Amino acid sequence: MNDTESQAARWNGPAGNAWADSQELVDELFRPIERLLVESLPPGHVLDVGCGTGSTTVAAVQRPGGGSHATGIDISAPMLAAARARAERAGVAGEVGFVEADAQDHPFEAGTFDTVMSRFGVMFFSDFVRAFTNLRRSGAPGAGLRMIVWRDITENPYMSVAETAARPLLPDMPVRDLRAPGQFGLSDPDVVNGILRDSGWTGISVDPVDEVCRLPESELVGYFTRFGPVGLALNGVDADTRARVIDVVRPAFDPFVDGADVRFTAACWLVTARAS
């Protein structure tokens, strides 16, 4: 199975289902990042790459002074089903569309989009230069790129707490390759700059942003047992192992617990550029 097939299997399986089933929780968790992403979008047709369950896609057309159309693209069928239902509930189904495809190779009509945006949806491409070249071609002359990606894992300790604590109990859990396509695949700003230059983007800016994210403490166990490496590794384990993992991992999050909330700072890059 190649990288593209592996990602498709993941996001059409447990990972995609977890996001679809927990969309309200994830929406609220990353609401500050969503606001940051859409607050400065100009009017026009927006392409939302790795749109997931469509929160950012819908937000793009609901922002004040929007007057835009938005197209979300993702490889996850369960997440796109949730996105389409979201658009219907929000009353914007006529202003948004969703495409189930890999944005790396999808044959977009050239010059279609005024802005290409993404919240945590562009770090998984198997060939970054090919993907961002394709996205550039999809944009009109001078189209903007606006995306948010994670900074280094060392700046995001919340993201590694569960797997660090659980690893002794889940020895077969894969070790992350932090420079391979994945959550932290675009965490190096020099790499990001090089990829975008090689893909034909200009006016590149990679700026650090820090946003405080929250989720209810009552949702914490459900969160770490469904998402990330631990969530994937728990699929298929016996009930005793699952219980022992929860007993070990939950206290490891204590530094992030503040009363009824869990709070952490999302250390990200806000990346902007222009299509040449």
Protein backbone atom coordinates (compact mmCIF):
# COMPACT_ATOMS: atom_id res chain seq x y z
CA MET A 1 0.00 0.00 0.00
CA ASN A 2 1.51 3.37 -1.01
CA ASP A 3 1.25 6.58 1.04
CA THR A 4 -1.83 7.84 -0.80
CA GLU A 5 -3.66 4.54 -0.38
CA SER A 6 -2.67 4.42 3.29
CA GLN A 7 -4.08 7.89 3.91
CA ALA A 8 -7.30 7.02 2.06
CA ALA A 9 -7.72 3.86 4.15
CA ARG A 10 -7.11 5.78 7.36
CA TRP A 11 -9.51 8.65 6.65
CA ASN A 12 -12.23 6.36 5.29
CA GLY A 13 -11.87 4.12 8.33
CA PRO A 14 -11.46 4.74 12.06
CA ALA A 15 -9.87 8.21 11.82
CA GLY A 16 -12.51 9.60 9.48
CA ASN A 17 -15.34 8.04 11.46
CA ALA A 18 -13.97 9.49 14.71
CA TRP A 19 -13.96 13.01 13.25
CA ALA A 20 -17.44 12.59 11.77
CA ASP A 21 -18.90 11.19 14.98
CA SER A 22 -17.23 13.84 17.17
CA GLN A 23 -17.61 16.83 14.88
CA GLU A 24 -19.27 19.10 17.47
CA LEU A 25 -16.46 18.50 19.95
CA VAL A 26 -13.76 19.06 17.34
CA ASP A 27 -15.53 22.15 15.98
CA GLU A 28 -15.48 23.83 19.38
CA LEU A 29 -11.95 22.66 20.15
CA PHE A 30 -10.54 24.31 17.03
CA ARG A 31 -12.96 27.27 16.84
CA PRO A 32 -10.22 29.84 17.59
CA ILE A 33 -8.16 28.47 14.71
CA GLU A 34 -11.18 28.48 12.40
CA ARG A 35 -11.78 32.17 13.18
CA LEU A 36 -8.14 32.97 12.50
CA LEU A 37 -8.30 31.17 9.17
CA VAL A 38 -11.45 32.80 7.79
CA GLU A 39 -11.38 36.25 9.34
CA SER A 40 -9.32 37.85 6.54
CA LEU A 41 -10.61 35.92 3.54
CA PRO A 42 -11.44 38.21 0.61
CA PRO A 43 -14.68 37.76 -1.33
CA GLY A 44 -14.62 35.16 -4.06
CA HIS A 45 -14.59 31.42 -4.64
CA VAL A 46 -12.75 29.57 -1.86
CA LEU A 47 -11.20 26.10 -2.06
CA ASP A 48 -11.02 24.44 1.37
CA VAL A 49 -8.39 21.69 1.21
CA GLY A 50 -8.82 18.76 3.59
CA CYS A 51 -12.16 20.24 4.60
CA GLY A 52 -13.16 17.31 6.80
CA THR A 53 -16.65 17.74 8.21
CA GLY A 54 -16.99 21.16 6.62
CA SER A 55 -16.84 23.54 9.56
CA THR A 56 -14.31 25.82 7.87
CA THR A 57 -16.03 25.52 4.48
CA VAL A 58 -19.33 26.72 5.91
CA ALA A 59 -17.60 29.41 7.97
CA ALA A 60 -16.03 30.78 4.79
CA VAL A 61 -19.45 31.65 3.34
CA GLN A 62 -20.99 32.73 6.65
CA ARG A 63 -18.38 35.32 7.61
CA PRO A 64 -19.51 38.97 7.64
CA GLY A 65 -19.29 40.47 4.17
CA GLY A 66 -18.64 37.02 2.71
CA GLY A 67 -20.52 36.97 -0.56
CA SER A 68 -18.52 33.91 -1.56
CA HIS A 69 -18.88 30.39 -2.80
CA ALA A 70 -16.79 27.65 -1.21
CA THR A 71 -15.74 24.20 -2.38
CA GLY A 72 -14.44 21.67 0.12
CA ILE A 73 -12.28 18.75 -0.98
CA ASP A 74 -11.35 15.72 1.10
CA ILE A 75 -10.60 12.03 0.66
CA SER A 76 -12.85 10.95 3.55
CA ALA A 77 -16.35 9.84 2.57
CA PRO A 78 -17.71 9.76 6.15
CA MET A 79 -16.41 13.24 6.86
CA LEU A 80 -17.85 14.62 3.62
CA ALA A 81 -21.23 13.10 4.41
CA ALA A 82 -21.14 15.03 7.69
CA ALA A 83 -20.04 18.16 5.81
CA ARG A 84 -22.96 18.01 3.39
CA ALA A 85 -25.40 17.52 6.27
CA ARG A 86 -23.81 20.51 8.05
CA ALA A 87 -24.28 22.73 5.00
CA GLU A 88 -27.94 21.72 4.79
CA ARG A 89 -28.50 22.48 8.48
CA ALA A 90 -26.78 25.85 8.10
CA GLY A 91 -28.91 26.76 5.10
CA VAL A 92 -25.90 27.28 2.82
CA ALA A 93 -26.07 24.15 0.67
CA GLY A 94 -26.46 26.35 -2.40
CA GLU A 95 -23.28 28.25 -1.59
CA VAL A 96 -20.96 25.35 -0.89
CA GLY A 97 -20.01 22.15 -2.69
CA PHE A 98 -17.94 19.16 -1.66
CA VAL A 99 -15.66 16.92 -3.70
CA GLU A 100 -14.41 13.49 -2.62
CA ALA A 101 -10.93 13.40 -4.13
CA ASP A 102 -7.23 13.82 -3.41
CA ALA A 103 -6.35 17.50 -3.93
CA GLN A 104 -2.82 16.42 -4.85
CA ASP A 105 -3.99 15.05 -8.21
CA HIS A 106 -7.60 16.18 -8.69
CA PRO A 107 -8.10 17.76 -12.15
CA PHE A 108 -9.35 21.16 -11.00
CA GLU A 109 -10.39 23.55 -13.71
CA ALA A 110 -7.49 26.00 -13.99
CA GLY A 111 -8.04 29.47 -12.61
CA THR A 112 -11.18 28.58 -10.63
CA PHE A 113 -10.45 29.77 -7.10
CA ASP A 114 -9.71 33.18 -5.62
CA THR A 115 -8.41 31.70 -2.36
CA VAL A 116 -7.04 28.30 -1.41
CA MET A 117 -7.28 27.69 2.34
CA SER A 118 -6.80 24.85 4.79
CA ARG A 119 -6.95 24.19 8.50
CA PHE A 120 -4.70 21.22 9.25
CA GLY A 121 -5.59 19.58 5.92
CA VAL A 122 -2.42 19.86 3.82
CA MET A 123 0.20 18.01 5.88
CA PHE A 124 -0.66 14.54 4.55
CA PHE A 125 0.20 14.77 0.85
CA SER A 126 2.61 12.09 -0.39
CA ASP A 127 4.27 14.61 -2.76
CA PHE A 128 4.06 18.14 -1.39
CA VAL A 129 5.45 19.92 -4.45
CA ARG A 130 3.09 18.11 -6.79
CA ALA A 131 0.16 18.88 -4.51
CA PHE A 132 0.89 22.57 -4.10
CA THR A 133 1.62 22.92 -7.81
CA ASN A 134 -1.82 21.47 -8.52
CA LEU A 135 -3.41 23.81 -6.00
CA ARG A 136 -1.64 26.81 -7.53
CA ARG A 137 -2.95 25.90 -10.96
CA SER A 138 -6.47 25.74 -9.55
CA GLY A 139 -6.24 29.37 -8.52
CA ALA A 140 -6.93 32.47 -10.56
CA PRO A 141 -3.92 34.72 -11.29
CA GLY A 142 -2.88 36.24 -7.96
CA ALA A 143 -5.05 33.86 -5.94
CA GLY A 144 -4.22 33.75 -2.27
CA LEU A 145 -3.09 30.78 -0.21
CA ARG A 146 -4.04 30.84 3.47
CA MET A 147 -3.41 27.76 5.59
CA ILE A 148 -2.71 26.79 9.18
CA VAL A 149 -0.38 23.91 10.04
CA TRP A 150 1.19 22.69 13.27
CA ARG A 151 4.56 23.87 14.49
CA ASP A 152 7.01 21.34 15.94
CA ILE A 153 5.74 18.67 18.30
CA THR A 154 8.07 20.02 21.01
CA GLU A 155 6.01 23.23 20.94
CA ASN A 156 2.79 21.21 21.18
CA PRO A 157 3.31 18.93 24.19
CA TYR A 158 -0.43 18.26 24.46
CA MET A 159 -0.23 16.38 21.16
CA SER A 160 2.22 13.76 22.46
CA VAL A 161 1.01 13.23 26.04
CA ALA A 162 -1.24 10.27 25.27
CA GLU A 163 1.18 8.29 23.13
CA THR A 164 4.10 8.88 25.53
CA ALA A 165 2.10 7.61 28.49
CA ALA A 166 0.48 4.71 26.61
CA ARG A 167 3.50 3.36 24.74
CA PRO A 168 4.59 0.87 27.45
CA LEU A 169 1.12 -0.70 27.21
CA LEU A 170 0.87 -0.43 23.41
CA PRO A 171 4.34 -1.47 22.21
CA ASP A 172 3.16 -2.01 18.63
CA MET A 173 1.99 1.58 18.29
CA PRO A 174 3.97 3.10 15.38
CA VAL A 175 6.62 5.70 16.17
CA ARG A 176 5.94 8.96 14.37
CA ASP A 177 8.25 10.08 11.59
CA LEU A 178 7.91 13.80 12.22
CA ARG A 179 9.25 14.79 8.80
CA ALA A 180 7.07 12.39 6.82
CA PRO A 181 3.59 13.33 5.61
CA GLY A 182 1.41 13.53 8.68
CA GLN A 183 0.35 15.86 11.46
CA PHE A 184 3.76 17.54 11.73
CA GLY A 185 4.85 17.11 8.12
CA LEU A 186 4.94 20.88 7.52
CA SER A 187 6.27 21.97 10.91
CA ASP A 188 9.62 23.21 9.54
CA PRO A 189 9.19 26.73 8.07
CA ASP A 190 12.23 26.32 5.81
CA VAL A 191 10.65 23.19 4.34
CA VAL A 192 7.36 25.03 3.84
CA ASN A 193 9.09 27.92 2.10
CA GLY A 194 10.99 25.55 -0.18
CA ILE A 195 7.89 23.55 -1.12
CA LEU A 196 5.88 26.64 -1.98
CA ARG A 197 8.69 28.24 -3.98
CA ASP A 198 9.17 25.02 -5.94
CA SER A 199 5.40 24.90 -6.54
CA GLY A 200 5.30 28.38 -8.07
CA TRP A 201 3.87 30.37 -5.16
CA THR A 202 5.24 33.84 -4.41
CA GLY A 203 5.00 36.34 -1.54
CA ILE A 204 5.38 33.51 0.95
CA SER A 205 4.98 34.28 4.64
CA VAL A 206 5.20 31.74 7.47
CA ASP A 207 4.18 33.38 10.75
CA PRO A 208 3.84 31.80 14.21
CA VAL A 209 0.44 31.91 15.85
CA ASP A 210 -0.64 30.60 19.23
CA GLU A 211 -4.29 29.93 20.02
CA VAL A 212 -5.71 28.62 23.28
CA CYS A 213 -8.01 25.66 22.63
CA ARG A 214 -10.45 24.12 25.09
CA LEU A 215 -12.56 21.01 25.51
CA PRO A 216 -14.68 19.86 28.46
CA GLU A 217 -12.75 17.68 30.89
CA SER A 218 -15.69 15.29 30.75
CA GLU A 219 -14.83 14.64 27.07
CA LEU A 220 -11.11 14.06 27.60
CA VAL A 221 -11.13 10.25 27.83
CA GLY A 222 -13.36 9.97 24.78
CA TYR A 223 -11.03 12.33 22.93
CA PHE A 224 -7.73 10.53 23.49
CA THR A 225 -9.27 7.07 23.03
CA ARG A 226 -10.61 8.01 19.57
CA PHE A 227 -8.06 10.40 18.10
CA GLY A 228 -4.36 10.31 17.31
CA PRO A 229 -1.95 7.37 17.53
CA VAL A 230 -3.49 6.07 20.76
CA GLY A 231 -7.00 6.18 19.34
CA LEU A 232 -5.88 4.19 16.30
CA ALA A 233 -3.90 1.72 18.40
CA LEU A 234 -6.86 1.04 20.70
CA ASN A 235 -8.94 -0.31 17.84
CA GLY A 236 -9.17 -4.03 18.41
CA VAL A 237 -7.41 -4.26 21.79
CA ASP A 238 -9.06 -6.21 24.58
CA ALA A 239 -11.13 -4.47 27.25
CA ASP A 240 -8.51 -4.99 29.97
CA THR A 241 -5.77 -3.33 27.92
CA ARG A 242 -8.07 -0.45 27.04
CA ALA A 243 -8.93 0.10 30.71
CA ARG A 244 -5.25 0.04 31.72
CA VAL A 245 -4.38 2.56 28.99
CA ILE A 246 -7.10 4.92 30.20
CA ASP A 247 -5.90 4.58 33.80
CA VAL A 248 -2.35 5.50 32.77
CA VAL A 249 -3.06 8.19 30.18
CA ARG A 250 -5.77 10.23 31.90
CA PRO A 251 -3.49 11.45 34.77
CA ALA A 252 -0.83 12.45 32.25
CA PHE A 253 -3.18 15.22 31.07
CA ASP A 254 -3.49 16.74 34.56
CA PRO A 255 -1.19 19.69 33.71
CA PHE A 256 -3.70 20.75 31.04
CA VAL A 257 -6.81 20.44 33.22
CA ASP A 258 -8.27 23.69 34.54
CA GLY A 259 -11.42 23.00 36.49
CA ALA A 260 -14.10 21.73 34.13
CA ASP A 261 -11.96 22.45 31.07
CA VAL A 262 -8.90 21.06 29.36
CA ARG A 263 -6.82 23.87 27.88
CA PHE A 264 -3.76 23.84 25.68
CA THR A 265 -1.97 26.27 23.41
CA ALA A 266 -2.01 25.26 19.75
CA ALA A 267 1.36 26.34 18.37
CA CYS A 268 0.86 26.76 14.63
CA TRP A 269 2.13 28.45 11.49
CA LEU A 270 -0.14 30.75 9.53
CA VAL A 271 1.13 30.37 5.96
CA THR A 272 0.15 32.85 3.25
CA ALA A 273 1.27 33.16 -0.37
CA ARG A 274 0.14 34.22 -3.85
CA ALA A 275 -0.26 32.22 -7.04
CA SER A 276 2.14 33.46 -9.72
